C-alpha atoms as a PDB file:
ATOM      1  CA  MET A   1      77.484  91.244 118.526  1.00  0.00           C
ATOM      2  CA  SER A   2      78.365  94.790 119.543  1.00  0.00           C
ATOM      3  CA  LEU A   3      79.341  97.615 117.223  1.00  0.00           C
ATOM      4  CA  THR A   4      82.980  97.358 118.299  1.00  0.00           C
ATOM      5  CA  SER A   5      83.035  93.621 117.518  1.00  0.00           C
ATOM      6  CA  SER A   6      81.525  94.307 114.114  1.00  0.00           C
ATOM      7  CA  LEU A   7      84.225  96.889 113.384  1.00  0.00           C
ATOM      8  CA  TYR A   8      86.984  94.458 114.387  1.00  0.00           C
ATOM      9  CA  SER A   9      85.477  91.801 112.098  1.00  0.00           C
ATOM     10  CA  GLY A  10      85.406  94.281 109.212  1.00  0.00           C
ATOM     11  CA  ILE A  11      88.966  95.487 109.851  1.00  0.00           C
ATOM     12  CA  SER A  12      90.196  91.906 110.025  1.00  0.00           C
ATOM     13  CA  GLY A  13      88.469  90.997 106.764  1.00  0.00           C
ATOM     14  CA  MET A  14      89.743  94.084 104.932  1.00  0.00           C
ATOM     15  CA  SER A  15      93.320  93.466 106.079  1.00  0.00           C
ATOM     16  CA  VAL A  16      93.264  89.833 104.935  1.00  0.00           C
ATOM     17  CA  LEU A  17      91.602  90.832 101.655  1.00  0.00           C
ATOM     18  CA  GLY A  18      94.434  93.280 100.939  1.00  0.00           C
ATOM     19  CA  ASN A  19      97.029  90.560 101.535  1.00  0.00           C
ATOM     20  CA  THR A  20      95.225  88.059  99.307  1.00  0.00           C
ATOM     21  CA  PHE A  21      94.992  90.657  96.526  1.00  0.00           C
ATOM     22  CA  GLN A  22      98.783  91.094  96.750  1.00  0.00           C
ATOM     23  CA  ILE A  23      99.290  87.354  96.246  1.00  0.00           C
ATOM     24  CA  ILE A  24      96.810  87.216  93.351  1.00  0.00           C
ATOM     25  CA  GLY A  25      98.330  90.331  91.771  1.00  0.00           C
ATOM     26  CA  ASP A  26     101.820  88.827  92.051  1.00  0.00           C
ATOM     27  CA  ASN A  27     100.600  85.658  90.327  1.00  0.00           C
ATOM     28  CA  ILE A  28      98.969  87.631  87.504  1.00  0.00           C
ATOM     29  CA  SER A  29     101.839  90.082  86.959  1.00  0.00           C
ATOM     30  CA  ASN A  30     104.401  87.266  86.713  1.00  0.00           C
ATOM     31  CA  VAL A  31     102.414  84.954  84.437  1.00  0.00           C
ATOM     32  CA  ASN A  32     105.006  85.403  81.648  1.00  0.00           C
ATOM     33  CA  THR A  33     108.091  85.471  83.893  1.00  0.00           C
ATOM     34  CA  VAL A  34     110.443  82.602  83.095  1.00  0.00           C
ATOM     35  CA  GLY A  35     110.656  80.153  86.001  1.00  0.00           C
ATOM     36  CA  PHE A  36     108.032  81.920  88.141  1.00  0.00           C
ATOM     37  CA  LYS A  37     106.041  79.690  90.487  1.00  0.00           C
ATOM     38  CA  SER A  38     102.625  80.943  91.547  1.00  0.00           C
ATOM     39  CA  SER A  39     101.407  80.862  95.150  1.00  0.00           C
ATOM     40  CA  SER A  40      98.128  79.821  96.711  1.00  0.00           C
ATOM     41  CA  PHE A  41      96.807  80.799 100.111  1.00  0.00           C
ATOM     42  CA  THR A  42      94.418  79.657 102.810  1.00  0.00           C
ATOM     43  CA  LEU A  43      92.376  81.717 105.223  1.00  0.00           C
ATOM     44  CA  GLN A  44      91.767  80.787 108.822  1.00  0.00           C
ATOM     45  CA  ASP A  45      89.228  81.709 111.432  1.00  0.00           C
ATOM     46  CA  LEU A  46      90.994  82.979 114.571  1.00  0.00           C
ATOM     47  CA  LEU A  47      87.967  83.822 116.661  1.00  0.00           C
ATOM     48  CA  SER A  48      84.383  82.727 116.205  1.00  0.00           C
ATOM     49  CA  GLN A  49      81.125  82.883 118.085  1.00  0.00           C
ATOM     50  CA  ASN A  50      78.275  80.384 118.163  1.00  0.00           C
ATOM     51  CA  THR A  51      74.818  81.913 117.848  1.00  0.00           C
ATOM     52  CA  THR A  52      71.465  80.190 118.036  1.00  0.00           C
ATOM     53  CA  THR A  53      68.920  81.085 115.356  1.00  0.00           C
ATOM     54  CA  LYS A  54      65.610  79.596 114.207  1.00  0.00           C
ATOM     55  CA  ALA A  55      67.568  77.436 111.776  1.00  0.00           C
ATOM     56  CA  GLY A  56      69.805  76.101 114.573  1.00  0.00           C
ATOM     57  CA  THR A  57      73.224  76.934 115.877  1.00  0.00           C
ATOM     58  CA  VAL A  58      75.509  78.796 113.496  1.00  0.00           C
ATOM     59  CA  GLN A  59      79.080  79.907 113.816  1.00  0.00           C
ATOM     60  CA  ILE A  60      79.985  83.516 113.046  1.00  0.00           C
ATOM     61  CA  GLY A  61      83.604  84.335 112.292  1.00  0.00           C
ATOM     62  CA  ARG A  62      84.797  87.367 114.194  1.00  0.00           C
ATOM     63  CA  TRP A  63      88.470  87.543 113.258  1.00  0.00           C
ATOM     64  CA  THR A  64      90.261  86.113 110.220  1.00  0.00           C
ATOM     65  CA  SER A  65      93.870  85.720 109.235  1.00  0.00           C
ATOM     66  CA  LEU A  66      95.958  84.623 106.290  1.00  0.00           C
ATOM     67  CA  GLY A  67      96.707  81.016 107.168  1.00  0.00           C
ATOM     68  CA  ASN A  68      99.328  79.755 104.762  1.00  0.00           C
ATOM     69  CA  ILE A  69     101.033  80.963 101.594  1.00  0.00           C
ATOM     70  CA  ALA A  70     102.282  77.991  99.581  1.00  0.00           C
ATOM     71  CA  PRO A  71     104.309  78.177  96.373  1.00  0.00           C
ATOM     72  CA  ASN A  72     103.089  75.899  93.600  1.00  0.00           C
ATOM     73  CA  PHE A  73     106.030  73.748  92.506  1.00  0.00           C
ATOM     74  CA  SER A  74     104.107  71.704  89.942  1.00  0.00           C
ATOM     75  CA  GLN A  75     105.752  71.161  86.572  1.00  0.00           C
ATOM     76  CA  GLY A  76     105.240  73.990  84.092  1.00  0.00           C
ATOM     77  CA  THR A  77     105.117  73.622  80.332  1.00  0.00           C
ATOM     78  CA  MET A  78     108.262  73.062  78.307  1.00  0.00           C
ATOM     79  CA  GLU A  79     108.718  75.374  75.338  1.00  0.00           C
ATOM     80  CA  ALA A  80     111.228  75.123  72.519  1.00  0.00           C
ATOM     81  CA  THR A  81     113.342  78.222  71.837  1.00  0.00           C
ATOM     82  CA  ALA A  82     115.895  79.187  69.206  1.00  0.00           C
ATOM     83  CA  ASN A  83     118.581  79.648  71.875  1.00  0.00           C
ATOM     84  CA  VAL A  84     120.633  76.454  72.402  1.00  0.00           C
ATOM     85  CA  THR A  85     121.635  77.558  75.923  1.00  0.00           C
ATOM     86  CA  ASP A  86     118.035  77.776  77.188  1.00  0.00           C
ATOM     87  CA  LEU A  87     117.483  74.920  79.623  1.00  0.00           C
ATOM     88  CA  ALA A  88     114.530  73.546  81.581  1.00  0.00           C
ATOM     89  CA  ILE A  89     114.214  71.257  84.581  1.00  0.00           C
ATOM     90  CA  SER A  90     111.751  68.400  84.385  1.00  0.00           C
ATOM     91  CA  GLY A  91     110.619  67.405  87.862  1.00  0.00           C
ATOM     92  CA  GLU A  92     112.146  68.655  91.073  1.00  0.00           C
ATOM     93  CA  GLY A  93     115.292  70.712  91.414  1.00  0.00           C
ATOM     94  CA  PHE A  94     116.856  74.108  90.798  1.00  0.00           C
ATOM     95  CA  PHE A  95     119.744  75.618  88.889  1.00  0.00           C
ATOM     96  CA  VAL A  96     122.441  76.961  91.202  1.00  0.00           C
ATOM     97  CA  VAL A  97     123.832  80.328  90.110  1.00  0.00           C
ATOM     98  CA  ARG A  98     126.504  82.460  91.802  1.00  0.00           C
ATOM     99  CA  ASP A  99     126.698  86.236  91.993  1.00  0.00           C
ATOM    100  CA  PRO A 100     130.297  86.976  90.905  1.00  0.00           C
ATOM    101  CA  SER A 101     130.529  90.150  92.998  1.00  0.00           C
ATOM    102  CA  THR A 102     129.412  88.612  96.330  1.00  0.00           C
ATOM    103  CA  GLN A 103     130.095  84.886  95.727  1.00  0.00           C
ATOM    104  CA  ILE A 104     126.605  84.113  97.096  1.00  0.00           C
ATOM    105  CA  ASP A 105     124.766  81.165  95.553  1.00  0.00           C
ATOM    106  CA  TYR A 106     121.109  81.449  94.520  1.00  0.00           C
ATOM    107  CA  TYR A 107     118.596  78.865  93.306  1.00  0.00           C
ATOM    108  CA  THR A 108     116.379  79.382  90.278  1.00  0.00           C
ATOM    109  CA  ARG A 109     114.134  77.475  87.906  1.00  0.00           C
ATOM    110  CA  ALA A 110     114.657  80.072  85.169  1.00  0.00           C
ATOM    111  CA  GLY A 111     116.833  78.519  82.477  1.00  0.00           C
ATOM    112  CA  SER A 112     117.510  81.495  80.175  1.00  0.00           C
ATOM    113  CA  PHE A 113     121.276  81.258  79.934  1.00  0.00           C
ATOM    114  CA  ARG A 114     123.970  82.543  77.572  1.00  0.00           C
ATOM    115  CA  PHE A 115     127.753  82.482  77.331  1.00  0.00           C
ATOM    116  CA  ASP A 116     129.647  85.570  78.539  1.00  0.00           C
ATOM    117  CA  LYS A 117     132.915  86.927  77.081  1.00  0.00           C
ATOM    118  CA  ASP A 118     134.936  84.462  79.218  1.00  0.00           C
ATOM    119  CA  GLY A 119     132.928  81.468  77.973  1.00  0.00           C
ATOM    120  CA  ASP A 120     131.034  80.978  81.259  1.00  0.00           C
ATOM    121  CA  LEU A 121     127.363  80.039  81.183  1.00  0.00           C
ATOM    122  CA  VAL A 122     125.529  82.931  82.882  1.00  0.00           C
ATOM    123  CA  THR A 123     122.039  84.268  83.555  1.00  0.00           C
ATOM    124  CA  PRO A 124     120.857  87.498  81.909  1.00  0.00           C
ATOM    125  CA  GLU A 125     121.899  89.250  85.166  1.00  0.00           C
ATOM    126  CA  GLY A 126     125.453  87.857  84.892  1.00  0.00           C
ATOM    127  CA  TYR A 127     125.215  85.193  87.624  1.00  0.00           C
ATOM    128  CA  LYS A 128     127.415  82.183  86.806  1.00  0.00           C
ATOM    129  CA  VAL A 129     125.743  78.787  86.526  1.00  0.00           C
ATOM    130  CA  GLN A 130     127.323  76.331  88.962  1.00  0.00           C
ATOM    131  CA  GLY A 131     127.857  72.647  88.297  1.00  0.00           C
ATOM    132  CA  TRP A 132     130.347  70.050  87.190  1.00  0.00           C
END
């Protein structure tokens, strides 16, 4: 392996390492965020080289990439609160909330709701909970 190839392998590894640290840091920083779903990742070998050694043929990775970032949608823990408007979803699904200024619907698993001055069930940001 030439010096240039070694540098490309190092650059590739450092770039992927930075991206994986971002995912891990996001998971750690949001550990207490209501409704947050952590992500996992996989790495993939984009380019490899077979080399023969005394121990046999080995494969040396020469370029890596972040393969897949997958959110973890497994069920979190249910916690009792003193607020009667706090809700949780058991199993699959999302709450649908609407931004009153843009009329755009969003999906969330965060169930920290309250009643506004008009009697509508809203998120802390003021998005109205949709339903019937």
